[in-house]
Amino acid sequence: DKACRNRDLQSFLILPIQRIPRYELLLSQIYKYSGGKDKVTIEKAIEKINSICSEINETKRDVDNNSRRNQLQSLFAKASGKKIDLTDEFIRREGNLHVYW
């Protein structure tokens, strides 16, 4: 469909999230050219946007980590025939792993 410009659903779902950092850039530009009490209000808005961006990034990192952890649990279970619970683990580094039984 031409209206979708050959994009899939995932590319449309990410659009609102991609707008948030743009707001910070826009507010920063507005801040440069404003004065008086407007600057204080804009500073607060920039701080709030930065806080939201940080929260989104942390949530995305957690989701990615959970997804990867689930993949690893499945791989370990297939390789060893035993269920390994990695629920409370955080993936710090990825690389080759050699397991000898």
N, C-alpha and C. Protein backbone atom coordinates (compact mmCIF):
# COMPACT_ATOMS: atom_id res chain seq x y z
N ASP A 1 0.84 -1.18 0.00
CA ASP A 1 0.00 0.00 0.00
C ASP A 1 0.89 1.25 0.00
N LYS A 2 0.57 2.20 -0.84
CA LYS A 2 1.37 3.42 -0.95
C LYS A 2 1.32 4.25 0.34
N ALA A 3 0.19 4.23 1.01
CA ALA A 3 0.05 5.01 2.24
C ALA A 3 1.03 4.54 3.31
N CYS A 4 1.37 3.28 3.31
CA CYS A 4 2.29 2.72 4.31
C CYS A 4 3.76 2.83 3.88
N ARG A 5 4.00 3.19 2.64
CA ARG A 5 5.36 3.32 2.10
C ARG A 5 6.20 2.08 2.38
N ASN A 6 5.61 0.92 2.20
CA ASN A 6 6.29 -0.37 2.38
C ASN A 6 6.85 -0.56 3.79
N ARG A 7 6.24 0.05 4.77
CA ARG A 7 6.67 -0.12 6.16
C ARG A 7 5.82 -1.20 6.83
N ASP A 8 6.42 -1.90 7.76
CA ASP A 8 5.67 -2.89 8.52
C ASP A 8 5.13 -2.25 9.79
N LEU A 9 4.33 -2.99 10.52
CA LEU A 9 3.71 -2.48 11.74
C LEU A 9 4.74 -2.01 12.76
N GLN A 10 5.82 -2.77 12.90
CA GLN A 10 6.86 -2.43 13.89
C GLN A 10 7.42 -1.03 13.65
N SER A 11 7.61 -0.66 12.39
CA SER A 11 8.17 0.66 12.09
C SER A 11 7.20 1.78 12.47
N PHE A 12 5.91 1.51 12.43
CA PHE A 12 4.93 2.51 12.86
C PHE A 12 4.82 2.60 14.37
N LEU A 13 5.00 1.48 15.05
CA LEU A 13 4.89 1.47 16.51
C LEU A 13 6.03 2.23 17.17
N ILE A 14 7.19 2.27 16.54
CA ILE A 14 8.34 2.93 17.14
C ILE A 14 8.31 4.46 16.94
N LEU A 15 7.52 4.94 16.01
CA LEU A 15 7.50 6.37 15.70
C LEU A 15 7.24 7.28 16.91
N PRO A 16 6.24 7.01 17.74
CA PRO A 16 6.03 7.90 18.89
C PRO A 16 7.23 7.94 19.84
N ILE A 17 7.93 6.82 19.99
CA ILE A 17 9.10 6.77 20.86
C ILE A 17 10.24 7.60 20.27
N GLN A 18 10.36 7.58 18.95
CA GLN A 18 11.43 8.34 18.30
C GLN A 18 11.19 9.84 18.37
N ARG A 19 9.97 10.24 18.59
CA ARG A 19 9.66 11.67 18.67
C ARG A 19 10.16 12.30 19.97
N ILE A 20 10.21 11.55 21.02
CA ILE A 20 10.54 12.10 22.33
C ILE A 20 11.91 12.79 22.35
N PRO A 21 12.98 12.17 21.84
CA PRO A 21 14.26 12.90 21.81
C PRO A 21 14.21 14.16 20.94
N ARG A 22 13.36 14.16 19.95
CA ARG A 22 13.22 15.35 19.11
C ARG A 22 12.63 16.51 19.90
N TYR A 23 11.75 16.18 20.84
CA TYR A 23 11.18 17.23 21.69
C TYR A 23 12.27 17.90 22.52
N GLU A 24 13.20 17.11 23.00
CA GLU A 24 14.31 17.67 23.79
C GLU A 24 15.12 18.64 22.93
N LEU A 25 15.40 18.25 21.69
CA LEU A 25 16.14 19.13 20.78
C LEU A 25 15.36 20.41 20.48
N LEU A 26 14.06 20.25 20.25
CA LEU A 26 13.22 21.41 19.98
C LEU A 26 13.17 22.35 21.18
N LEU A 27 12.97 21.79 22.37
CA LEU A 27 12.93 22.61 23.57
C LEU A 27 14.27 23.31 23.82
N SER A 28 15.37 22.63 23.52
CA SER A 28 16.69 23.24 23.69
C SER A 28 16.85 24.45 22.77
N GLN A 29 16.35 24.33 21.55
CA GLN A 29 16.40 25.46 20.61
C GLN A 29 15.51 26.60 21.09
N ILE A 30 14.33 26.28 21.56
CA ILE A 30 13.42 27.31 22.08
C ILE A 30 14.06 28.00 23.27
N TYR A 31 14.72 27.22 24.13
CA TYR A 31 15.37 27.76 25.32
C TYR A 31 16.40 28.83 24.96
N LYS A 32 17.16 28.58 23.90
CA LYS A 32 18.20 29.52 23.48
C LYS A 32 17.63 30.90 23.17
N TYR A 33 16.43 30.92 22.62
CA TYR A 33 15.86 32.19 22.15
C TYR A 33 14.78 32.75 23.07
N SER A 34 14.64 32.16 24.23
CA SER A 34 13.62 32.66 25.16
C SER A 34 14.29 33.42 26.30
N GLY A 35 13.49 34.08 27.09
CA GLY A 35 14.04 34.83 28.21
C GLY A 35 13.09 34.83 29.38
N GLY A 36 13.58 35.36 30.48
CA GLY A 36 12.74 35.52 31.66
C GLY A 36 12.25 34.23 32.26
N LYS A 37 11.01 34.29 32.73
CA LYS A 37 10.44 33.13 33.41
C LYS A 37 10.15 31.98 32.46
N ASP A 38 10.09 32.25 31.16
CA ASP A 38 9.90 31.17 30.18
C ASP A 38 11.06 30.18 30.24
N LYS A 39 12.26 30.70 30.49
CA LYS A 39 13.44 29.82 30.55
C LYS A 39 13.30 28.78 31.67
N VAL A 40 12.78 29.20 32.80
CA VAL A 40 12.61 28.28 33.93
C VAL A 40 11.62 27.17 33.55
N THR A 41 10.53 27.54 32.93
CA THR A 41 9.53 26.56 32.51
C THR A 41 10.10 25.61 31.47
N ILE A 42 10.85 26.14 30.54
CA ILE A 42 11.45 25.31 29.49
C ILE A 42 12.51 24.38 30.09
N GLU A 43 13.29 24.88 31.05
CA GLU A 43 14.26 24.02 31.73
C GLU A 43 13.58 22.83 32.40
N LYS A 44 12.47 23.08 33.06
CA LYS A 44 11.72 22.00 33.70
C LYS A 44 11.22 21.00 32.67
N ALA A 45 10.75 21.51 31.53
CA ALA A 45 10.26 20.63 30.47
C ALA A 45 11.40 19.77 29.91
N ILE A 46 12.57 20.38 29.74
CA ILE A 46 13.74 19.63 29.24
C ILE A 46 14.14 18.55 30.24
N GLU A 47 14.13 18.88 31.52
CA GLU A 47 14.46 17.89 32.56
C GLU A 47 13.47 16.73 32.53
N LYS A 48 12.20 17.04 32.37
CA LYS A 48 11.16 16.00 32.32
C LYS A 48 11.34 15.11 31.10
N ILE A 49 11.60 15.72 29.95
CA ILE A 49 11.82 14.93 28.72
C ILE A 49 13.04 14.03 28.89
N ASN A 50 14.11 14.57 29.47
CA ASN A 50 15.32 13.76 29.70
C ASN A 50 15.03 12.59 30.64
N SER A 51 14.22 12.84 31.66
CA SER A 51 13.83 11.79 32.59
C SER A 51 13.02 10.70 31.87
N ILE A 52 12.11 11.12 31.03
CA ILE A 52 11.29 10.17 30.26
C ILE A 52 12.18 9.36 29.33
N CYS A 53 13.12 10.02 28.65
CA CYS A 53 14.04 9.31 27.75
C CYS A 53 14.85 8.26 28.52
N SER A 54 15.33 8.62 29.70
CA SER A 54 16.10 7.68 30.51
C SER A 54 15.25 6.48 30.91
N GLU A 55 14.02 6.75 31.30
CA GLU A 55 13.12 5.66 31.70
C GLU A 55 12.82 4.73 30.52
N ILE A 56 12.60 5.31 29.35
CA ILE A 56 12.36 4.50 28.15
C ILE A 56 13.57 3.64 27.84
N ASN A 57 14.76 4.23 27.91
CA ASN A 57 15.99 3.49 27.62
C ASN A 57 16.19 2.34 28.61
N GLU A 58 15.94 2.59 29.89
CA GLU A 58 16.09 1.54 30.89
C GLU A 58 15.08 0.41 30.66
N THR A 59 13.85 0.78 30.34
CA THR A 59 12.82 -0.22 30.07
C THR A 59 13.17 -1.05 28.84
N LYS A 60 13.64 -0.38 27.80
CA LYS A 60 14.05 -1.09 26.58
C LYS A 60 15.20 -2.04 26.87
N ARG A 61 16.17 -1.59 27.65
CA ARG A 61 17.30 -2.44 28.03
C ARG A 61 16.81 -3.66 28.82
N ASP A 62 15.87 -3.46 29.73
CA ASP A 62 15.32 -4.57 30.51
C ASP A 62 14.57 -5.56 29.62
N VAL A 63 13.78 -5.04 28.69
CA VAL A 63 13.03 -5.92 27.77
C VAL A 63 13.99 -6.72 26.92
N ASP A 64 15.02 -6.06 26.38
CA ASP A 64 16.02 -6.76 25.57
C ASP A 64 16.75 -7.83 26.38
N ASN A 65 17.09 -7.48 27.62
CA ASN A 65 17.79 -8.43 28.48
C ASN A 65 16.90 -9.64 28.79
N ASN A 66 15.63 -9.39 29.09
CA ASN A 66 14.71 -10.49 29.38
C ASN A 66 14.54 -11.40 28.17
N SER A 67 14.43 -10.79 27.01
CA SER A 67 14.27 -11.58 25.79
C SER A 67 15.50 -12.45 25.55
N ARG A 68 16.67 -11.85 25.67
CA ARG A 68 17.91 -12.61 25.45
C ARG A 68 18.08 -13.69 26.51
N ARG A 69 17.73 -13.38 27.75
CA ARG A 69 17.84 -14.36 28.83
C ARG A 69 16.93 -15.55 28.55
N ASN A 70 15.72 -15.30 28.05
CA ASN A 70 14.80 -16.38 27.70
C ASN A 70 15.37 -17.23 26.57
N GLN A 71 15.99 -16.60 25.60
CA GLN A 71 16.62 -17.34 24.51
C GLN A 71 17.74 -18.24 25.04
N LEU A 72 18.55 -17.70 25.94
CA LEU A 72 19.64 -18.48 26.51
C LEU A 72 19.13 -19.64 27.35
N GLN A 73 18.09 -19.41 28.13
CA GLN A 73 17.49 -20.49 28.92
C GLN A 73 17.05 -21.63 28.00
N SER A 74 16.42 -21.27 26.91
CA SER A 74 15.95 -22.27 25.96
C SER A 74 17.13 -23.02 25.33
N LEU A 75 18.17 -22.30 24.96
CA LEU A 75 19.35 -22.95 24.39
C LEU A 75 20.01 -23.91 25.38
N PHE A 76 20.15 -23.46 26.62
CA PHE A 76 20.75 -24.32 27.66
C PHE A 76 19.90 -25.56 27.89
N ALA A 77 18.59 -25.37 27.91
CA ALA A 77 17.69 -26.51 28.14
C ALA A 77 17.80 -27.52 27.01
N LYS A 78 17.88 -27.05 25.78
CA LYS A 78 18.02 -27.96 24.65
C LYS A 78 19.37 -28.68 24.68
N ALA A 79 20.42 -27.97 25.04
CA ALA A 79 21.77 -28.54 25.02
C ALA A 79 21.99 -29.53 26.16
N SER A 80 21.44 -29.22 27.31
CA SER A 80 21.72 -30.06 28.49
C SER A 80 20.58 -31.00 28.86
N GLY A 81 19.39 -30.72 28.37
CA GLY A 81 18.23 -31.51 28.75
C GLY A 81 17.73 -31.15 30.14
N LYS A 82 18.31 -30.11 30.72
CA LYS A 82 17.91 -29.65 32.05
C LYS A 82 17.42 -28.22 31.97
N LYS A 83 16.45 -27.92 32.81
CA LYS A 83 15.96 -26.55 32.85
C LYS A 83 16.88 -25.72 33.74
N ILE A 84 17.32 -24.60 33.21
CA ILE A 84 18.16 -23.69 33.97
C ILE A 84 17.39 -22.39 34.15
N ASP A 85 17.24 -21.95 35.39
CA ASP A 85 16.48 -20.74 35.67
C ASP A 85 17.43 -19.54 35.74
N LEU A 86 17.30 -18.65 34.79
CA LEU A 86 18.12 -17.44 34.75
C LEU A 86 17.30 -16.20 35.09
N THR A 87 16.17 -16.39 35.73
CA THR A 87 15.22 -15.31 35.98
C THR A 87 15.86 -14.09 36.65
N ASP A 88 16.72 -14.32 37.64
CA ASP A 88 17.30 -13.20 38.37
C ASP A 88 18.66 -12.77 37.84
N GLU A 89 19.04 -13.28 36.69
CA GLU A 89 20.35 -12.96 36.14
C GLU A 89 20.26 -11.80 35.16
N PHE A 90 21.33 -11.03 35.10
CA PHE A 90 21.42 -9.92 34.17
C PHE A 90 22.58 -10.21 33.22
N ILE A 91 22.35 -10.09 31.94
CA ILE A 91 23.38 -10.38 30.95
C ILE A 91 24.32 -9.19 30.87
N ARG A 92 25.56 -9.41 31.23
CA ARG A 92 26.55 -8.34 31.22
C ARG A 92 27.44 -8.38 29.98
N ARG A 93 27.66 -9.57 29.48
CA ARG A 93 28.54 -9.73 28.34
C ARG A 93 28.11 -10.96 27.56
N GLU A 94 28.24 -10.89 26.24
CA GLU A 94 27.94 -12.04 25.41
C GLU A 94 29.20 -12.44 24.67
N GLY A 95 29.31 -13.71 24.41
CA GLY A 95 30.45 -14.24 23.67
C GLY A 95 30.33 -15.74 23.59
N ASN A 96 31.39 -16.38 23.17
CA ASN A 96 31.39 -17.83 23.07
C ASN A 96 31.45 -18.46 24.46
N LEU A 97 30.73 -19.53 24.62
CA LEU A 97 30.71 -20.26 25.88
C LEU A 97 30.89 -21.72 25.55
N HIS A 98 31.87 -22.31 26.19
CA HIS A 98 32.11 -23.75 26.00
C HIS A 98 31.72 -24.46 27.27
N VAL A 99 30.80 -25.38 27.16
CA VAL A 99 30.31 -26.15 28.31
C VAL A 99 30.70 -27.60 28.09
N TYR A 100 31.36 -28.16 29.09
CA TYR A 100 31.76 -29.56 29.03
C TYR A 100 31.02 -30.33 30.11
N TRP A 101 30.45 -31.44 29.73
CA TRP A 101 29.67 -32.24 30.69
C TRP A 101 30.47 -33.43 31.11
